[in-house]
Amino acid sequence: MTHFEKIAARLKDRGLDAMLITSEPGEFYAMGFHGEGAALITPDKTWYYTDSRYIEAAQQIPGAEIILWTTEYPFRKQIADLVKEHGIVKLGFEERYMSVASHTDWTKAVEAQFVPASELLTTLRQVKDADELAAMKEAQRITDEALLEILNFLKPGLTESEVAARLTYIMARKGAERNSFDPIVACGPNGSKPHAIPGPAVIQKGQFVTMDFGCVVGGYCSDMTRTVAIGQPSEEMELVYNTVLKAQLTGIATAHAGVTGKEVHEAAAKVIADAGYGEYFGHGFGHSLGIEIHEDPGFHLRNDKPIPAGALLSAEPGIYLPGKFGVRIEDVILLTEGGCVDITHSPKQLIVL
C-alpha cells in the first residue's frame, strides 16, 4: 500500500472527505517529493499542484495527477474549484504546520470546513515501512562511519567549529544528502549545554568532547551522540560516563512495542537518580525521527500511550554538570514485539584518545 493509499484509507474513519497537504514533511511522506505545492487526497484520487519550477521533476510521483498552477490560475483557486466539483465538505489540513496567515488565505479561497488533521499523518509516520527503514539504516551507516573517521581527526588544539565542519564534510563525502541538523560539538564546560553551538572553544587534554550529529539519506534522518575523552579522564568523568551508559542500556532493555514513553524514560532516569545525578538529567530519554529529526512519539514523562512496533526512536540519556562537563550517549532503536533492535553500531564504551 502506498502512502497515498494509507492516507486515503484513514479519511472515512476521521469523518473527512479529503486531506489537504501543504507542509514539506507532509508532502514528502505522501509522495516522496517536495515542490512547494499542495496535494489533495480523496478516497479515490490524489492531485498534486506545483509551479513551473517543479513541474518536470514532479512527473516522477506515482499515483497522482500532476497539475501546473500559474499566476493566472493559482493552486488555491484550482483546489477550490476541485473541492466544489467533488462536493468536498470536510477538508482535513495540517494545523501543526500551517501558519495563521496561510490558514486565513485557504479558508477565504476554499468553501469547505477546514478540520485539523495533522494527527492523521503523524500517526502513520510513526511506523516505518521497509523503504523508510532502509533509508534510515543507510543514513545511520554513514553516521557510524563518520564517527570512526572523526576519531582519527580529533586532537587537542582543534576548535569545536573545525570538528563540526569536518563531520559535515565526511558525511557528504560518504553520500549524505545533507545534515539532519546542525552538528553539536561541545568540549569541556560547553558539554553541560545539551544543545551547545560549536564555536571557537579549543579542545584540550583532560576534556570530554560531545558530538551529536546525523545525516539524511532518501529524505530520512539519522541521529547519534558520542562523548569521548581527550587524554585520561578524571574519576568523576569516568563515573558520570558509566552512569549514563548504564542508564542508556537500561532504557533500551525496557523498550518494546506497546511500552509507553513514560515507562522507558523512568527506567533510565532512575539509574541516573540512584547515582546522585538526577537533577542533572533534564530532558526526555529520546524522540522519534524519520523525515524530521524530531517526530512523535517520544520517550518522556508526558507520553503515556503505547508505542507501536515499527517506530524508531533515539535513546539518549545525559548528565550535564554546569561549569564542568557533560556526557550524552545516543543510539537509534527500532521497536519490535519482542524488544528492540539497535540500528546504531558505533562503540559505546568510553573512548580515550
Protein backbone atom coordinates (compact mmCIF):
# COMPACT_ATOMS: atom_id res chain seq x y z
CA MET A 1 0.00 0.00 0.00
CA THR A 2 1.40 3.41 -0.99
CA HIS A 3 1.44 6.33 1.41
CA PHE A 4 -1.30 7.94 -0.70
CA GLU A 5 -3.44 4.87 -0.16
CA LYS A 6 -2.70 4.76 3.58
CA ILE A 7 -3.83 8.37 3.96
CA ALA A 8 -6.93 7.81 1.81
CA ALA A 9 -7.87 4.74 3.84
CA ARG A 10 -7.95 6.82 7.06
CA LEU A 11 -10.20 9.60 5.76
CA LYS A 12 -13.57 7.96 6.42
CA ASP A 13 -12.67 6.97 10.00
CA ARG A 14 -11.89 10.60 10.75
CA GLY A 15 -15.02 11.90 9.09
CA LEU A 16 -13.10 13.61 6.28
CA ASP A 17 -13.98 13.92 2.61
CA ALA A 18 -10.41 14.83 1.66
CA MET A 19 -7.00 15.75 3.07
CA LEU A 20 -5.10 18.87 2.07
CA ILE A 21 -1.31 18.52 2.41
CA THR A 22 0.81 21.65 2.24
CA SER A 23 3.80 21.07 4.55
CA GLU A 24 7.21 19.93 3.39
CA PRO A 25 7.29 16.79 5.59
CA GLY A 26 3.67 16.02 4.76
CA GLU A 27 4.31 16.27 1.03
CA PHE A 28 7.43 14.17 1.30
CA TYR A 29 5.68 11.45 3.30
CA ALA A 30 2.77 11.29 0.87
CA MET A 31 4.75 11.50 -2.36
CA GLY A 32 8.47 11.21 -1.71
CA PHE A 33 8.74 14.67 -3.22
CA HIS A 34 8.57 18.31 -2.15
CA GLY A 35 7.92 21.05 -4.68
CA GLU A 36 6.40 23.89 -2.67
CA GLY A 37 2.96 22.92 -3.86
CA ALA A 38 -0.14 21.29 -2.40
CA ALA A 39 -1.72 17.86 -2.57
CA LEU A 40 -5.38 16.97 -2.26
CA ILE A 41 -6.19 13.37 -1.37
CA THR A 42 -9.69 11.87 -1.55
CA PRO A 43 -10.66 8.23 -1.02
CA ASP A 44 -10.45 7.69 -4.79
CA LYS A 45 -7.80 10.01 -6.19
CA THR A 46 -4.83 12.29 -5.48
CA TRP A 47 -3.96 15.57 -7.15
CA TYR A 48 -0.68 17.44 -6.76
CA TYR A 49 -0.34 21.11 -7.74
CA THR A 50 3.01 22.75 -8.34
CA ASP A 51 4.52 25.52 -10.46
CA SER A 52 6.89 25.64 -13.42
CA ARG A 53 9.99 25.25 -11.22
CA TYR A 54 8.99 21.74 -10.15
CA ILE A 55 6.52 20.50 -12.75
CA GLU A 56 9.04 18.38 -14.65
CA ALA A 57 10.51 16.77 -11.53
CA ALA A 58 7.01 16.14 -10.16
CA GLN A 59 6.24 13.78 -13.04
CA GLN A 60 8.11 11.09 -11.07
CA ILE A 61 5.34 10.97 -8.46
CA PRO A 62 3.39 7.72 -8.96
CA GLY A 63 -0.34 7.54 -8.41
CA ALA A 64 -1.16 11.25 -8.54
CA GLU A 65 -2.44 13.61 -11.21
CA ILE A 66 0.18 16.36 -11.54
CA ILE A 67 -1.24 19.79 -12.32
CA LEU A 68 0.60 23.01 -13.17
CA TRP A 69 -0.58 26.16 -11.44
CA THR A 70 0.11 29.61 -12.82
CA THR A 71 -0.30 33.22 -11.75
CA GLU A 72 -3.48 33.36 -13.84
CA TYR A 73 -4.88 30.17 -12.30
CA PRO A 74 -3.21 29.71 -8.86
CA PHE A 75 -3.35 26.48 -6.91
CA ARG A 76 -5.75 27.71 -4.24
CA LYS A 77 -8.25 28.65 -6.95
CA GLN A 78 -7.75 25.32 -8.71
CA ILE A 79 -8.23 23.40 -5.48
CA ALA A 80 -11.29 25.50 -4.64
CA ASP A 81 -12.82 24.53 -7.98
CA LEU A 82 -11.95 20.86 -7.42
CA VAL A 83 -13.46 20.89 -3.91
CA LYS A 84 -16.68 22.33 -5.33
CA GLU A 85 -16.74 19.89 -8.23
CA HIS A 86 -16.38 16.84 -5.97
CA GLY A 87 -18.70 18.03 -3.24
CA ILE A 88 -15.99 18.05 -0.59
CA VAL A 89 -17.35 19.44 2.68
CA LYS A 90 -14.95 18.36 5.43
CA LEU A 91 -11.35 19.06 4.43
CA GLY A 92 -8.52 17.94 6.69
CA PHE A 93 -5.47 20.20 6.98
CA GLU A 94 -2.11 20.15 8.78
CA GLU A 95 -2.67 22.54 11.65
CA ARG A 96 0.76 21.73 13.14
CA TYR A 97 2.45 23.28 10.14
CA MET A 98 0.04 25.82 8.64
CA SER A 99 0.55 29.42 9.74
CA VAL A 100 -2.36 31.61 10.78
CA ALA A 101 -1.83 33.76 7.68
CA SER A 102 -1.87 30.74 5.38
CA HIS A 103 -4.96 29.34 7.10
CA THR A 104 -6.72 32.65 6.52
CA ASP A 105 -5.82 32.57 2.82
CA TRP A 106 -7.03 28.99 2.43
CA THR A 107 -10.35 29.49 4.20
CA LYS A 108 -11.03 32.60 2.15
CA ALA A 109 -10.27 30.78 -1.10
CA VAL A 110 -11.90 27.37 -0.50
CA GLU A 111 -15.51 26.82 0.51
CA ALA A 112 -15.16 23.88 2.89
CA GLN A 113 -15.00 23.11 6.57
CA PHE A 114 -11.30 23.00 7.47
CA VAL A 115 -10.75 20.23 10.04
CA PRO A 116 -7.45 19.95 11.98
CA ALA A 117 -6.00 16.58 10.93
CA SER A 118 -2.22 16.65 11.39
CA GLU A 119 -2.53 13.56 13.58
CA LEU A 120 -3.70 11.52 10.59
CA LEU A 121 -0.26 11.87 9.01
CA THR A 122 1.85 11.93 12.17
CA THR A 123 0.26 8.68 13.36
CA LEU A 124 1.02 6.98 10.05
CA ARG A 125 4.57 8.34 10.12
CA GLN A 126 5.25 6.69 13.48
CA VAL A 127 5.56 3.26 11.86
CA LYS A 128 8.25 3.00 9.21
CA ASP A 129 7.80 0.72 6.22
CA ALA A 130 10.61 -1.30 4.64
CA ASP A 131 11.77 1.51 2.32
CA GLU A 132 11.80 4.08 5.11
CA LEU A 133 13.71 1.74 7.40
CA ALA A 134 16.27 1.00 4.68
CA ALA A 135 16.90 4.73 4.16
CA MET A 136 17.33 5.30 7.88
CA LYS A 137 19.72 2.37 8.22
CA GLU A 138 21.81 3.73 5.35
CA ALA A 139 21.87 7.19 6.95
CA GLN A 140 22.94 5.58 10.22
CA ARG A 141 25.67 3.59 8.45
CA ILE A 142 27.15 6.83 7.13
CA THR A 143 26.91 8.38 10.59
CA ASP A 144 28.70 5.41 12.17
CA GLU A 145 31.46 5.63 9.57
CA ALA A 146 31.78 9.36 10.14
CA LEU A 147 32.42 8.76 13.84
CA LEU A 148 35.24 6.32 13.10
CA GLU A 149 36.83 8.84 10.76
CA ILE A 150 36.44 11.83 13.10
CA LEU A 151 38.14 9.90 15.90
CA ASN A 152 41.30 9.89 13.78
CA PHE A 153 40.94 13.65 13.29
CA LEU A 154 40.23 14.73 16.88
CA LYS A 155 43.16 16.15 18.83
CA PRO A 156 43.98 18.97 21.22
CA GLY A 157 44.18 22.36 19.52
CA LEU A 158 41.20 21.94 17.20
CA THR A 159 38.16 24.13 17.70
CA GLU A 160 34.61 22.86 18.08
CA SER A 161 33.73 24.56 14.78
CA GLU A 162 36.51 22.76 12.93
CA VAL A 163 35.26 19.38 14.16
CA ALA A 164 31.65 20.20 13.25
CA ALA A 165 32.69 21.27 9.76
CA ARG A 166 34.72 18.11 9.33
CA LEU A 167 31.76 15.93 10.32
CA THR A 168 29.59 17.66 7.73
CA TYR A 169 32.25 17.12 5.05
CA ILE A 170 32.76 13.45 5.94
CA MET A 171 29.06 12.61 5.79
CA ALA A 172 28.60 14.48 2.49
CA ARG A 173 31.58 12.66 1.01
CA LYS A 174 30.09 9.33 2.05
CA GLY A 175 26.78 10.01 0.30
CA ALA A 176 24.63 12.05 2.67
CA GLU A 177 22.15 14.44 1.05
CA ARG A 178 22.59 16.91 3.90
CA ASN A 179 22.89 17.07 7.68
CA SER A 180 19.75 16.08 9.55
CA PHE A 181 20.53 19.02 11.89
CA ASP A 182 23.48 21.28 12.58
CA PRO A 183 26.13 19.15 14.33
CA ILE A 184 26.68 19.75 18.02
CA VAL A 185 30.31 19.67 19.13
CA ALA A 186 30.98 20.72 22.71
CA CYS A 187 34.22 20.40 24.64
CA GLY A 188 34.93 20.78 28.35
CA PRO A 189 32.46 23.05 30.18
CA ASN A 190 30.42 23.58 26.99
CA GLY A 191 29.38 19.94 27.23
CA SER A 192 26.97 20.82 30.05
CA LYS A 193 24.76 22.53 27.44
CA PRO A 194 22.77 19.77 25.69
CA HIS A 195 22.29 21.86 22.54
CA ALA A 196 25.60 23.71 22.57
CA ILE A 197 26.51 25.56 19.38
CA PRO A 198 30.02 24.80 18.08
CA GLY A 199 32.28 27.82 18.38
CA PRO A 200 35.89 28.90 18.84
CA ALA A 201 36.47 26.88 22.02
CA VAL A 202 39.71 24.90 21.70
CA ILE A 203 39.80 21.22 22.62
CA GLN A 204 42.29 20.48 25.37
CA LYS A 205 43.71 17.42 27.09
CA GLY A 206 41.69 16.17 30.01
CA GLN A 207 38.37 17.22 28.48
CA PHE A 208 35.30 15.41 27.24
CA VAL A 209 34.12 16.19 23.71
CA THR A 210 30.45 15.52 22.98
CA MET A 211 29.48 15.13 19.30
CA ASP A 212 25.81 14.91 18.29
CA PHE A 213 25.28 14.60 14.55
CA GLY A 214 23.36 12.87 11.78
CA CYS A 215 22.59 12.96 8.09
CA VAL A 216 19.77 12.49 5.60
CA VAL A 217 19.57 9.70 3.02
CA GLY A 218 16.49 9.25 0.84
CA GLY A 219 14.78 12.00 2.81
CA TYR A 220 15.18 10.22 6.17
CA CYS A 221 17.34 11.15 9.16
CA SER A 222 19.93 9.53 11.35
CA ASP A 223 20.98 10.76 14.78
CA MET A 224 23.83 9.77 17.09
CA THR A 225 25.77 11.19 20.03
CA ARG A 226 29.09 10.05 21.39
CA THR A 227 31.18 11.59 24.16
CA VAL A 228 34.90 10.86 24.05
CA ALA A 229 37.78 11.77 26.33
CA ILE A 230 40.84 13.65 25.10
CA GLY A 231 43.55 12.26 27.34
CA GLN A 232 43.00 10.44 30.60
CA PRO A 233 39.64 11.33 32.21
CA SER A 234 39.22 12.00 35.92
CA GLU A 235 37.47 9.54 38.23
CA GLU A 236 34.38 11.75 38.25
CA MET A 237 34.32 11.84 34.46
CA GLU A 238 34.51 8.05 34.29
CA LEU A 239 31.78 7.68 36.93
CA VAL A 240 29.42 10.02 35.07
CA TYR A 241 30.14 8.34 31.73
CA ASN A 242 29.48 4.86 33.10
CA THR A 243 26.27 6.06 34.78
CA VAL A 244 24.97 7.48 31.51
CA LEU A 245 25.88 4.28 29.67
CA LYS A 246 24.11 2.16 32.30
CA ALA A 247 21.04 4.40 32.02
CA GLN A 248 21.01 4.10 28.25
CA LEU A 249 21.33 0.31 28.32
CA THR A 250 18.56 0.11 30.93
CA GLY A 251 16.24 2.23 28.81
CA ILE A 252 16.98 0.19 25.70
CA ALA A 253 16.32 -3.04 27.61
CA THR A 254 12.93 -1.63 28.69
CA ALA A 255 11.87 -0.64 25.16
CA HIS A 256 9.49 -2.80 23.15
CA ALA A 257 6.31 -2.41 21.13
CA GLY A 258 3.44 -1.50 23.44
CA VAL A 259 5.58 0.20 26.08
CA THR A 260 4.85 3.82 26.95
CA GLY A 261 7.42 6.58 26.59
CA LYS A 262 6.97 7.32 30.29
CA GLU A 263 7.98 3.78 31.31
CA VAL A 264 11.19 3.85 29.27
CA HIS A 265 12.17 7.31 30.48
CA GLU A 266 11.54 6.44 34.11
CA ALA A 267 13.63 3.27 33.91
CA ALA A 268 16.64 5.19 32.61
CA ALA A 269 16.13 8.23 34.82
CA LYS A 270 16.09 6.02 37.95
CA VAL A 271 19.62 4.83 37.18
CA ILE A 272 20.84 8.42 37.00
CA ALA A 273 18.91 9.47 40.11
CA ASP A 274 20.21 6.48 42.12
CA ALA A 275 23.76 7.57 41.25
CA GLY A 276 23.05 11.02 42.69
CA TYR A 277 22.80 12.92 39.40
CA GLY A 278 19.02 13.10 38.96
CA GLU A 279 18.88 16.89 38.89
CA TYR A 280 21.39 16.95 36.03
CA PHE A 281 19.24 14.98 33.57
CA GLY A 282 16.54 17.37 32.43
CA HIS A 283 15.35 16.15 29.02
CA GLY A 284 13.49 13.11 27.77
CA PHE A 285 15.19 9.77 27.15
CA GLY A 286 14.52 10.02 23.42
CA HIS A 287 12.41 11.07 20.48
CA SER A 288 11.12 9.54 17.29
CA LEU A 289 12.71 10.54 14.00
CA GLY A 290 12.23 9.97 10.30
CA ILE A 291 11.52 12.66 7.73
CA GLU A 292 12.07 15.15 10.54
CA ILE A 293 14.70 14.85 13.23
CA HIS A 294 12.05 15.21 15.95
CA GLU A 295 8.77 13.37 15.44
CA ASP A 296 6.17 11.58 17.57
CA PRO A 297 6.15 9.50 19.72
CA GLY A 298 8.78 10.15 22.39
CA PHE A 299 10.39 8.54 25.41
CA HIS A 300 9.39 11.12 28.00
CA LEU A 301 7.20 11.60 31.06
CA ARG A 302 4.31 13.14 29.09
CA ASN A 303 3.85 10.11 26.84
CA ASP A 304 1.59 7.55 28.50
CA LYS A 305 0.43 5.97 25.22
CA PRO A 306 1.72 2.62 23.90
CA ILE A 307 4.35 2.98 21.19
CA PRO A 308 3.74 0.79 18.11
CA ALA A 309 6.03 -1.79 16.56
CA GLY A 310 7.99 -0.29 13.69
CA ALA A 311 8.66 3.03 15.41
CA LEU A 312 12.25 4.28 15.53
CA LEU A 313 13.33 6.41 18.46
CA SER A 314 16.54 7.80 19.85
CA ALA A 315 17.90 6.55 23.18
CA GLU A 316 19.91 9.46 24.57
CA PRO A 317 20.19 10.00 28.31
CA GLY A 318 22.71 12.50 29.59
CA ILE A 319 24.23 14.10 32.67
CA TYR A 320 25.19 17.77 32.46
CA LEU A 321 27.30 19.35 35.21
CA PRO A 322 27.37 23.16 34.80
CA GLY A 323 30.87 24.58 34.63
CA LYS A 324 32.44 21.12 34.42
CA PHE A 325 31.37 18.84 31.56
CA GLY A 326 28.53 16.84 30.11
CA VAL A 327 28.02 13.30 28.84
CA ARG A 328 25.39 12.06 26.39
CA ILE A 329 25.27 8.73 24.57
CA GLU A 330 22.71 8.27 21.80
CA ASP A 331 21.62 5.41 19.57
CA VAL A 332 18.53 4.88 17.40
CA ILE A 333 16.40 1.83 18.16
CA LEU A 334 13.63 0.06 16.24
CA LEU A 335 10.80 -1.19 18.45
CA THR A 336 9.63 -4.75 17.83
CA GLU A 337 7.10 -7.02 19.52
CA GLY A 338 9.84 -8.82 21.41
CA GLY A 339 12.01 -5.84 22.31
CA CYS A 340 14.02 -3.56 20.09
CA VAL A 341 16.84 -3.54 17.55
CA ASP A 342 19.67 -1.01 17.85
CA ILE A 343 20.49 0.23 14.34
CA THR A 344 23.49 2.21 15.65
CA HIS A 345 26.69 0.20 15.56
CA SER A 346 29.32 2.58 16.93
CA PRO A 347 31.09 1.55 20.14
CA LYS A 348 29.69 2.91 23.39
CA GLN A 349 32.38 2.08 25.88
CA LEU A 350 34.38 5.17 26.84
CA ILE A 351 36.88 6.05 24.12
CA VAL A 352 40.07 7.77 25.29
CA LEU A 353 42.11 9.50 22.57
